[in-house]
Amino acid sequence: MSIVASGPTRPSTHPVGKGVGPLLRGWREQRRVSQLELALRADSSARHISFIETGRSRPSEEMVLRLAEHLDVPVRERNALLLAAGYAPHYPETPLDDPSMDALRQGMERLIQGYEPYPALVVDATYTVLAANRGIAMLLEGVCESLLTPPLNAMRLTLHPEGLAPRIRNHREWRDHLLAQMERQIALDRSEPLRALYEEVAAYPVPEQEGEGEGDVDGGVEPVPYFALPLQIEHGGRVLSFISSISTFNTPMDVTVAELAIETFLPADPATVKYLQSLVS
């Protein structure tokens, strides 16, 4: 699958009319940072922070960005803070199919293709699949066609009862892991679209499965001591085991880039390595 356009931009989760002061206070309280601690980090004073939060003082553009950085505010929401303070957005949001993104897009394509035969994909902030390699396509064999109609969503594909869920042998553990991952993101980003997705996939029924996590379907493989929670999924009459890793870009200067994530699946046992290598030999 090739890199596709990232689709319509995600609206800011905070109304501009609310004012920058209350927005900054909300982020500070969520991060559990006192006014004094934030002031020390930002080389300011607790009095000035208080004045900004109550609207008695209008922060400069530089101060808004400095406070946002020290509060670890997502790039998209830093633009929202600037708009609320009366300034223009600082970070562009360039569509992934824009010519200026050619190098980035081609680089990600080479990365996930070079990872084959192991699965790898690129997703955005709401888990829309922007690119995937043949390893992912292999795992999606047999998934309901309606779930494979673009735009694909990684969480729906994984947890939907007509998706991968019935074939995931340790489904309850993997489901708990994914939902906890989304909860952490919602707490950090306060994204309403992500929250809506979370509520949708959390409501999916959990398939009844026997012998979760028992290894190979025919029982012919010895148990393997895993160093991280594996995704154990049936394919071709056997159970494949993967450890997932998620990579993001350091210090992104564009909203689109800030919200990209590359997830790779590393074989977690020798049997999985042998099977995947046999597919390309």
Protein backbone atom coordinates (compact mmCIF):
# COMPACT_ATOMS: atom_id res chain seq x y z
CA MET A 1 0.00 0.00 0.00
CA SER A 2 1.39 3.43 -0.89
CA ILE A 3 1.37 6.55 1.22
CA VAL A 4 -1.98 8.29 0.83
CA ALA A 5 -3.18 11.79 1.59
CA SER A 6 -3.88 12.39 5.25
CA GLY A 7 -7.43 13.53 4.54
CA PRO A 8 -9.27 16.47 6.11
CA THR A 9 -7.44 18.26 8.85
CA ARG A 10 -8.46 17.55 12.41
CA PRO A 11 -10.04 20.60 14.06
CA SER A 12 -8.52 22.00 17.20
CA THR A 13 -10.04 20.50 20.33
CA HIS A 14 -10.33 23.92 21.97
CA PRO A 15 -12.55 26.81 20.86
CA VAL A 16 -10.61 29.92 19.98
CA GLY A 17 -13.13 32.16 21.71
CA LYS A 18 -12.31 30.67 25.09
CA GLY A 19 -9.22 32.80 25.44
CA VAL A 20 -5.60 31.85 25.83
CA GLY A 21 -5.55 32.24 29.63
CA PRO A 22 -8.06 29.52 30.48
CA LEU A 23 -6.55 27.26 27.82
CA LEU A 24 -3.07 27.60 29.27
CA ARG A 25 -4.42 27.05 32.77
CA GLY A 26 -6.16 23.88 31.57
CA TRP A 27 -2.94 22.51 30.10
CA ARG A 28 -0.97 23.46 33.24
CA GLU A 29 -3.46 21.74 35.53
CA GLN A 30 -3.56 18.67 33.34
CA ARG A 31 0.22 18.45 33.49
CA ARG A 32 0.03 18.98 37.27
CA VAL A 33 2.44 21.89 37.22
CA SER A 34 2.10 24.81 39.62
CA GLN A 35 2.24 28.41 38.44
CA LEU A 36 5.55 28.82 40.26
CA GLU A 37 7.08 25.73 38.68
CA LEU A 38 5.95 26.80 35.21
CA ALA A 39 7.31 30.28 35.79
CA LEU A 40 10.70 28.89 36.77
CA ARG A 41 10.79 26.68 33.70
CA ALA A 42 9.81 29.52 31.39
CA ASP A 43 12.05 32.15 33.00
CA SER A 44 9.05 34.19 34.12
CA SER A 45 7.26 34.87 37.41
CA ALA A 46 4.29 33.21 39.08
CA ARG A 47 2.60 36.63 39.15
CA HIS A 48 2.93 36.97 35.36
CA ILE A 49 1.63 33.43 34.80
CA SER A 50 -1.33 34.23 37.03
CA PHE A 51 -2.06 37.43 35.12
CA ILE A 52 -1.95 35.53 31.80
CA GLU A 53 -4.32 32.84 33.04
CA THR A 54 -6.84 35.33 34.40
CA GLY A 55 -6.69 37.52 31.30
CA ARG A 56 -5.13 40.50 33.06
CA SER A 57 -2.06 40.22 30.83
CA ARG A 58 -1.76 39.30 27.16
CA PRO A 59 1.25 37.06 26.57
CA SER A 60 3.59 37.70 23.69
CA GLU A 61 3.76 35.22 20.87
CA GLU A 62 7.14 34.07 22.14
CA MET A 63 5.74 33.54 25.64
CA VAL A 64 2.82 31.47 24.35
CA LEU A 65 5.21 29.19 22.48
CA ARG A 66 7.58 28.98 25.44
CA LEU A 67 4.81 28.04 27.87
CA ALA A 68 3.38 25.53 25.40
CA GLU A 69 6.77 23.89 25.03
CA HIS A 70 7.28 23.56 28.78
CA LEU A 71 3.77 22.14 29.16
CA ASP A 72 4.41 19.65 26.34
CA VAL A 73 1.37 20.89 24.43
CA PRO A 74 0.89 19.04 21.10
CA VAL A 75 1.89 21.03 18.03
CA ARG A 76 -1.69 21.31 16.75
CA GLU A 77 -2.84 22.76 20.07
CA ARG A 78 0.05 25.23 20.14
CA ASN A 79 -1.50 26.78 17.05
CA ALA A 80 -4.83 26.89 18.89
CA LEU A 81 -3.20 28.73 21.79
CA LEU A 82 -1.66 31.27 19.43
CA LEU A 83 -5.01 31.88 17.72
CA ALA A 84 -6.69 32.33 21.09
CA ALA A 85 -4.04 34.91 21.99
CA GLY A 86 -4.62 36.80 18.73
CA TYR A 87 -1.62 35.57 16.78
CA ALA A 88 -1.27 33.62 13.55
CA PRO A 89 -0.53 29.89 13.73
CA HIS A 90 3.18 29.15 13.98
CA TYR A 91 3.19 25.59 12.65
CA PRO A 92 2.00 24.78 9.11
CA GLU A 93 -0.18 21.75 8.40
CA THR A 94 0.98 20.44 5.07
CA PRO A 95 -1.01 17.66 3.34
CA LEU A 96 1.04 14.50 3.08
CA ASP A 97 0.55 14.40 -0.69
CA ASP A 98 1.94 17.93 -1.13
CA PRO A 99 5.08 18.00 -3.33
CA SER A 100 7.05 19.51 -0.45
CA MET A 101 6.45 16.25 1.45
CA ASP A 102 7.89 14.05 -1.30
CA ALA A 103 11.16 13.29 0.52
CA LEU A 104 9.37 12.45 3.77
CA ARG A 105 6.74 10.34 2.06
CA GLN A 106 9.25 8.43 -0.05
CA GLY A 107 11.49 7.91 2.96
CA MET A 108 8.67 6.36 4.97
CA GLU A 109 7.72 4.15 2.04
CA ARG A 110 11.31 2.89 1.72
CA LEU A 111 11.45 2.32 5.47
CA ILE A 112 8.36 0.13 5.73
CA GLN A 113 9.09 -1.69 2.46
CA GLY A 114 12.62 -2.40 3.64
CA TYR A 115 11.16 -3.94 6.79
CA GLU A 116 9.42 -6.69 4.79
CA PRO A 117 8.57 -9.49 5.27
CA TYR A 118 7.85 -8.17 8.76
CA PRO A 119 4.72 -5.99 9.07
CA ALA A 120 4.96 -2.19 9.27
CA LEU A 121 2.55 0.69 8.75
CA VAL A 122 2.19 4.47 9.05
CA VAL A 123 -0.76 6.01 10.90
CA ASP A 124 -1.92 9.50 11.84
CA ALA A 125 -3.20 10.82 15.18
CA THR A 126 -6.51 8.94 14.89
CA TYR A 127 -4.95 5.71 13.60
CA THR A 128 -5.93 6.23 9.99
CA VAL A 129 -3.61 3.98 7.98
CA LEU A 130 -1.60 6.13 5.58
CA ALA A 131 0.72 3.40 4.35
CA ALA A 132 1.35 -0.29 4.96
CA ASN A 133 3.71 -2.91 3.60
CA ARG A 134 3.06 -6.43 2.37
CA GLY A 135 3.55 -7.84 5.85
CA ILE A 136 0.47 -5.94 6.99
CA ALA A 137 -1.44 -7.00 3.86
CA MET A 138 -0.66 -10.61 4.76
CA LEU A 139 -2.14 -10.21 8.25
CA LEU A 140 -5.27 -8.58 6.82
CA GLU A 141 -6.12 -11.56 4.63
CA GLY A 142 -9.70 -12.60 5.39
CA VAL A 143 -10.75 -9.32 7.02
CA CYS A 144 -14.26 -8.11 6.14
CA GLU A 145 -14.22 -6.03 2.94
CA SER A 146 -16.11 -3.15 4.58
CA LEU A 147 -13.20 -2.64 6.99
CA LEU A 148 -10.75 -2.57 4.07
CA THR A 149 -12.54 0.30 2.33
CA PRO A 150 -10.40 3.47 2.60
CA PRO A 151 -9.77 5.18 4.85
CA LEU A 152 -8.55 2.18 6.82
CA ASN A 153 -8.30 2.55 10.59
CA ALA A 154 -5.78 0.43 12.48
CA MET A 155 -7.83 0.26 15.68
CA ARG A 156 -11.00 -0.80 13.87
CA LEU A 157 -9.09 -3.38 11.84
CA THR A 158 -7.58 -4.85 14.99
CA LEU A 159 -10.51 -4.83 17.43
CA HIS A 160 -13.59 -5.16 15.23
CA PRO A 161 -15.27 -8.60 15.48
CA GLU A 162 -15.10 -8.86 11.67
CA GLY A 163 -11.50 -7.70 11.62
CA LEU A 164 -8.44 -9.29 13.20
CA ALA A 165 -10.01 -9.76 16.64
CA PRO A 166 -11.20 -13.37 16.18
CA ARG A 167 -7.69 -14.41 15.09
CA ILE A 168 -5.80 -12.69 17.92
CA ARG A 169 -5.08 -15.49 20.38
CA ASN A 170 -4.32 -13.17 23.31
CA HIS A 171 -7.11 -10.78 22.36
CA ARG A 172 -8.05 -9.63 25.86
CA GLU A 173 -4.47 -8.70 26.74
CA TRP A 174 -3.85 -7.01 23.39
CA ARG A 175 -7.17 -5.16 23.56
CA ASP A 176 -6.34 -3.89 27.06
CA HIS A 177 -2.94 -2.75 25.79
CA LEU A 178 -4.43 -0.83 22.85
CA LEU A 179 -7.17 0.81 24.90
CA ALA A 180 -4.65 1.87 27.56
CA GLN A 181 -2.45 3.31 24.78
CA MET A 182 -5.39 5.35 23.48
CA GLU A 183 -6.28 6.51 27.00
CA ARG A 184 -2.75 7.85 27.48
CA GLN A 185 -2.95 9.70 24.16
CA ILE A 186 -6.34 11.21 25.02
CA ALA A 187 -4.97 12.41 28.35
CA LEU A 188 -2.03 14.08 26.58
CA ASP A 189 -3.77 15.45 23.49
CA ARG A 190 -7.41 15.89 24.60
CA SER A 191 -8.47 14.96 21.06
CA GLU A 192 -12.23 14.62 20.61
CA PRO A 193 -11.91 12.55 17.39
CA LEU A 194 -9.59 10.15 19.21
CA ARG A 195 -11.98 9.95 22.15
CA ALA A 196 -14.85 9.13 19.78
CA LEU A 197 -12.75 6.36 18.20
CA TYR A 198 -11.87 5.03 21.65
CA GLU A 199 -15.53 4.87 22.68
CA GLU A 200 -16.38 3.08 19.44
CA VAL A 201 -13.72 0.37 19.62
CA ALA A 202 -14.05 -0.10 23.39
CA ALA A 203 -17.71 -1.01 22.80
CA TYR A 204 -16.90 -3.81 20.35
CA PRO A 205 -17.81 -7.25 21.72
CA VAL A 206 -14.90 -9.37 22.85
CA PRO A 207 -14.84 -12.62 20.87
CA GLU A 208 -15.03 -15.88 22.77
CA GLN A 209 -11.76 -17.73 22.32
CA GLU A 210 -10.37 -20.95 23.72
CA GLY A 211 -6.78 -21.44 24.70
CA GLU A 212 -5.66 -17.80 24.44
CA GLY A 213 -1.89 -17.48 24.14
CA GLU A 214 -1.18 -21.21 23.92
CA GLY A 215 1.20 -20.86 20.97
CA ASP A 216 0.93 -22.81 17.71
CA VAL A 217 -2.53 -23.93 16.61
CA ASP A 218 -1.46 -27.57 16.44
CA GLY A 219 0.37 -27.33 19.76
CA GLY A 220 3.71 -28.23 18.21
CA VAL A 221 5.73 -25.25 19.42
CA GLU A 222 7.31 -24.96 22.85
CA PRO A 223 6.34 -21.90 24.94
CA VAL A 224 8.62 -18.90 24.41
CA PRO A 225 9.57 -16.46 27.22
CA TYR A 226 8.57 -13.05 25.83
CA PHE A 227 10.33 -9.85 26.87
CA ALA A 228 7.30 -7.67 26.04
CA LEU A 229 3.59 -8.27 25.45
CA PRO A 230 3.34 -9.99 22.06
CA LEU A 231 0.59 -9.81 19.48
CA GLN A 232 -0.26 -13.46 18.91
CA ILE A 233 -2.29 -13.86 15.73
CA GLU A 234 -3.39 -16.86 13.71
CA HIS A 235 -2.33 -17.02 10.07
CA GLY A 236 -2.07 -19.94 7.71
CA GLY A 237 -2.85 -22.54 10.36
CA ARG A 238 -0.29 -21.31 12.87
CA VAL A 239 0.15 -18.58 15.46
CA LEU A 240 2.58 -15.78 14.69
CA SER A 241 3.98 -13.66 17.51
CA PHE A 242 5.10 -10.04 17.18
CA ILE A 243 6.42 -7.31 19.44
CA SER A 244 5.35 -3.85 18.28
CA SER A 245 7.39 -0.66 18.29
CA ILE A 246 6.13 2.86 17.53
CA SER A 247 8.37 5.63 16.16
CA THR A 248 7.61 9.34 15.83
CA PHE A 249 9.58 12.33 14.53
CA ASN A 250 11.82 14.37 16.82
CA THR A 251 11.00 18.09 17.19
CA PRO A 252 8.43 18.27 14.37
CA MET A 253 7.82 21.70 12.86
CA ASP A 254 4.65 20.75 10.97
CA VAL A 255 1.32 19.55 12.42
CA THR A 256 1.03 16.69 9.92
CA VAL A 257 4.52 15.41 10.68
CA ALA A 258 3.94 15.74 14.43
CA GLU A 259 0.97 13.39 14.21
CA LEU A 260 2.63 10.65 12.13
CA ALA A 261 3.64 7.37 13.73
CA ILE A 262 5.42 4.38 12.20
CA GLU A 263 4.56 1.07 13.84
CA THR A 264 6.72 -1.96 13.15
CA PHE A 265 6.16 -5.54 14.26
CA LEU A 266 9.26 -7.51 15.22
CA PRO A 267 9.01 -11.33 15.23
CA ALA A 268 8.94 -12.45 18.85
CA ASP A 269 9.96 -16.08 18.41
CA PRO A 270 12.04 -18.25 16.03
CA ALA A 271 8.96 -19.93 14.55
CA THR A 272 7.56 -16.59 13.38
CA VAL A 273 10.90 -15.62 11.84
CA LYS A 274 11.14 -18.94 10.01
CA TYR A 275 7.59 -18.70 8.67
CA LEU A 276 7.88 -15.12 7.42
CA GLN A 277 11.24 -15.82 5.79
CA SER A 278 9.69 -18.79 4.00
CA LEU A 279 7.18 -16.48 2.36
CA VAL A 280 9.93 -14.58 0.54
CA SER A 281 12.42 -17.38 -0.08
